[in-house]
C-alpha cells in the first residue's frame, strides 16, 4: 500500500498481529509526530464506510485516511 509520499506500508507475515492491525499501527505511527492519530483514524472510519459501499479494500481506506492529512 502506498501513501501520499510513496513510502510503502506493508505487513510482516512473521509478526503475530493480523495484517490489518499491523497496517493500522503503521498509519498511527506516521500520524503521531503531528498529533493526528485520532484524525487519521476518524478519516479511516469514514473511508471504510465509503470503501464498503464501493467495494474497496481495508488498505485503500487507510490510504485514503493518510491522504486526507497529507501523510
N, C-alpha and C. Protein backbone atom coordinates (compact mmCIF):
# COMPACT_ATOMS: atom_id res chain seq x y z
N UNK A 1 0.84 -1.17 0.00
CA UNK A 1 0.00 0.00 0.00
C UNK A 1 0.89 1.24 0.00
N UNK A 2 0.61 2.20 -0.85
CA UNK A 2 1.40 3.43 -0.91
C UNK A 2 0.57 4.59 -0.38
N UNK A 3 1.20 5.41 0.46
CA UNK A 3 0.53 6.63 0.91
C UNK A 3 0.94 7.77 0.01
N UNK A 4 0.63 8.99 0.41
CA UNK A 4 0.82 10.15 -0.45
C UNK A 4 2.29 10.46 -0.74
N UNK A 5 3.22 10.06 0.11
CA UNK A 5 4.61 10.38 -0.17
C UNK A 5 5.39 9.17 -0.69
N UNK A 6 4.70 8.09 -0.99
CA UNK A 6 5.33 6.99 -1.67
C UNK A 6 5.95 5.91 -0.81
N UNK A 7 6.00 6.07 0.50
CA UNK A 7 6.56 5.02 1.35
C UNK A 7 5.55 3.88 1.46
N UNK A 8 6.01 2.70 1.25
CA UNK A 8 5.13 1.53 1.24
C UNK A 8 4.86 1.04 2.66
N UNK A 9 3.56 0.90 2.98
CA UNK A 9 3.16 0.25 4.23
C UNK A 9 2.97 -1.22 3.91
N UNK A 10 3.56 -2.07 4.73
CA UNK A 10 3.50 -3.50 4.44
C UNK A 10 3.49 -4.29 5.73
N UNK A 11 2.63 -5.26 5.81
CA UNK A 11 2.57 -6.14 6.98
C UNK A 11 3.69 -7.18 6.90
N UNK A 12 4.19 -7.54 8.05
CA UNK A 12 5.24 -8.56 8.16
C UNK A 12 4.57 -9.89 8.51
N UNK A 13 4.62 -10.87 7.63
CA UNK A 13 3.94 -12.14 7.90
C UNK A 13 4.55 -12.90 9.09
N UNK A 14 5.73 -12.51 9.56
CA UNK A 14 6.37 -13.18 10.68
C UNK A 14 5.94 -12.61 12.03
N UNK A 15 5.18 -11.52 12.02
CA UNK A 15 4.69 -10.94 13.27
C UNK A 15 3.35 -11.58 13.62
N UNK A 16 3.07 -11.70 14.93
CA UNK A 16 1.83 -12.38 15.34
C UNK A 16 0.56 -11.56 15.11
N UNK A 17 0.68 -10.24 14.97
CA UNK A 17 -0.52 -9.42 14.78
C UNK A 17 -1.10 -9.64 13.38
N UNK A 18 -2.44 -9.58 13.27
CA UNK A 18 -3.05 -9.68 11.94
C UNK A 18 -2.61 -8.53 11.03
N UNK A 19 -2.63 -8.78 9.73
CA UNK A 19 -2.18 -7.82 8.73
C UNK A 19 -2.82 -6.45 8.90
N UNK A 20 -4.15 -6.39 9.00
CA UNK A 20 -4.83 -5.10 9.10
C UNK A 20 -4.43 -4.32 10.34
N UNK A 21 -4.16 -5.01 11.43
CA UNK A 21 -3.72 -4.32 12.65
C UNK A 21 -2.31 -3.77 12.46
N UNK A 22 -1.45 -4.51 11.80
CA UNK A 22 -0.11 -4.00 11.50
C UNK A 22 -0.18 -2.74 10.65
N UNK A 23 -1.09 -2.72 9.67
CA UNK A 23 -1.24 -1.54 8.82
C UNK A 23 -1.78 -0.36 9.62
N UNK A 24 -2.72 -0.61 10.52
CA UNK A 24 -3.23 0.46 11.41
C UNK A 24 -2.09 1.02 12.26
N UNK A 25 -1.28 0.14 12.80
CA UNK A 25 -0.15 0.55 13.62
C UNK A 25 0.80 1.46 12.84
N UNK A 26 1.06 1.12 11.59
CA UNK A 26 1.95 1.92 10.75
C UNK A 26 1.32 3.27 10.42
N UNK A 27 0.01 3.28 10.15
CA UNK A 27 -0.67 4.55 9.87
C UNK A 27 -0.63 5.46 11.09
N UNK A 28 -0.87 4.89 12.27
CA UNK A 28 -0.82 5.69 13.50
C UNK A 28 0.59 6.22 13.77
N UNK A 29 1.60 5.41 13.51
CA UNK A 29 2.98 5.85 13.70
C UNK A 29 3.30 7.02 12.77
N UNK A 30 2.77 6.98 11.56
CA UNK A 30 3.00 8.06 10.61
C UNK A 30 2.31 9.35 11.06
N UNK A 31 1.16 9.23 11.71
CA UNK A 31 0.39 10.40 12.17
C UNK A 31 0.91 10.97 13.49
N UNK A 32 1.56 10.14 14.29
CA UNK A 32 1.95 10.51 15.65
C UNK A 32 2.83 11.76 15.75
N UNK A 33 3.82 11.96 14.89
CA UNK A 33 4.66 13.16 15.05
C UNK A 33 3.88 14.48 14.97
N UNK A 34 2.72 14.44 14.33
CA UNK A 34 1.91 15.65 14.20
C UNK A 34 0.69 15.63 15.11
N UNK A 35 0.58 14.60 15.94
CA UNK A 35 -0.56 14.50 16.85
C UNK A 35 -1.87 14.28 16.11
N UNK A 36 -1.82 13.59 14.97
CA UNK A 36 -3.01 13.41 14.15
C UNK A 36 -3.56 11.98 14.17
N UNK A 37 -3.23 11.23 15.22
CA UNK A 37 -3.69 9.84 15.28
C UNK A 37 -5.21 9.74 15.22
N UNK A 38 -5.90 10.52 16.05
CA UNK A 38 -7.37 10.46 16.08
C UNK A 38 -7.95 10.91 14.75
N UNK A 39 -7.38 11.94 14.17
CA UNK A 39 -7.90 12.44 12.89
C UNK A 39 -7.75 11.40 11.77
N UNK A 40 -6.60 10.73 11.74
CA UNK A 40 -6.38 9.72 10.72
C UNK A 40 -7.34 8.54 10.92
N UNK A 41 -7.55 8.11 12.16
CA UNK A 41 -8.49 7.01 12.39
C UNK A 41 -9.92 7.44 12.08
N UNK A 42 -10.28 8.68 12.37
CA UNK A 42 -11.61 9.18 12.01
C UNK A 42 -11.77 9.14 10.49
N UNK A 43 -10.76 9.61 9.78
CA UNK A 43 -10.80 9.57 8.32
C UNK A 43 -10.86 8.13 7.81
N UNK A 44 -10.13 7.24 8.46
CA UNK A 44 -10.13 5.84 8.04
C UNK A 44 -11.52 5.22 8.23
N UNK A 45 -12.18 5.57 9.33
CA UNK A 45 -13.52 5.04 9.55
C UNK A 45 -14.49 5.57 8.50
N UNK A 46 -14.40 6.85 8.19
CA UNK A 46 -15.24 7.41 7.13
C UNK A 46 -14.89 6.78 5.79
N UNK A 47 -13.60 6.61 5.54
CA UNK A 47 -13.15 5.98 4.31
C UNK A 47 -13.61 4.53 4.21
N UNK A 48 -13.67 3.84 5.36
CA UNK A 48 -14.10 2.44 5.37
C UNK A 48 -15.58 2.33 4.99
N UNK A 49 -16.37 3.27 5.46
CA UNK A 49 -17.79 3.26 5.09
C UNK A 49 -17.92 3.43 3.58
N UNK A 50 -17.22 4.41 3.04
CA UNK A 50 -17.25 4.65 1.60
C UNK A 50 -16.67 3.46 0.83
N UNK A 51 -15.57 2.92 1.34
CA UNK A 51 -14.92 1.78 0.69
C UNK A 51 -15.86 0.59 0.64
N UNK A 52 -16.58 0.36 1.73
CA UNK A 52 -17.53 -0.75 1.78
C UNK A 52 -18.61 -0.58 0.72
N UNK A 53 -19.09 0.65 0.57
CA UNK A 53 -20.12 0.92 -0.42
C UNK A 53 -19.59 0.74 -1.85
N UNK A 54 -18.30 1.00 -2.05
CA UNK A 54 -17.71 0.93 -3.38
C UNK A 54 -16.90 -0.35 -3.62
N UNK A 55 -16.88 -1.23 -2.65
CA UNK A 55 -16.16 -2.49 -2.81
C UNK A 55 -14.65 -2.36 -2.73
N UNK A 56 -14.15 -1.32 -2.05
CA UNK A 56 -12.71 -1.15 -1.90
C UNK A 56 -12.20 -1.93 -0.70
N UNK A 57 -10.88 -2.03 -0.59
CA UNK A 57 -10.27 -2.81 0.48
C UNK A 57 -9.99 -1.97 1.71
N UNK A 58 -9.67 -2.66 2.80
CA UNK A 58 -9.28 -2.01 4.04
C UNK A 58 -8.03 -1.16 3.83
N UNK A 59 -7.08 -1.69 3.08
CA UNK A 59 -5.85 -0.94 2.79
C UNK A 59 -6.15 0.35 2.06
N UNK A 60 -7.09 0.33 1.13
CA UNK A 60 -7.47 1.54 0.41
C UNK A 60 -8.11 2.57 1.33
N UNK A 61 -8.86 2.10 2.33
CA UNK A 61 -9.45 3.02 3.31
C UNK A 61 -8.36 3.71 4.13
N UNK A 62 -7.33 2.96 4.53
CA UNK A 62 -6.22 3.57 5.27
C UNK A 62 -5.45 4.55 4.39
N UNK A 63 -5.24 4.18 3.14
CA UNK A 63 -4.55 5.07 2.21
C UNK A 63 -5.31 6.38 2.05
N UNK A 64 -6.62 6.28 1.94
CA UNK A 64 -7.48 7.46 1.86
C UNK A 64 -7.30 8.34 3.10
N UNK A 65 -7.30 7.71 4.27
CA UNK A 65 -7.19 8.46 5.52
C UNK A 65 -5.86 9.20 5.61
N UNK A 66 -4.76 8.54 5.27
CA UNK A 66 -3.46 9.20 5.30
C UNK A 66 -3.40 10.34 4.29
N UNK A 67 -4.00 10.12 3.15
CA UNK A 67 -4.02 11.15 2.13
C UNK A 67 -4.80 12.39 2.54
N UNK A 68 -5.87 12.19 3.31
CA UNK A 68 -6.65 13.34 3.77
C UNK A 68 -5.84 14.27 4.65
N UNK A 69 -4.83 13.73 5.30
CA UNK A 69 -3.98 14.52 6.22
C UNK A 69 -2.59 14.73 5.63
N UNK A 70 -2.44 14.49 4.34
CA UNK A 70 -1.16 14.67 3.64
C UNK A 70 -0.02 13.92 4.31
N UNK A 71 -0.28 12.72 4.75
CA UNK A 71 0.74 11.90 5.41
C UNK A 71 1.12 10.74 4.51
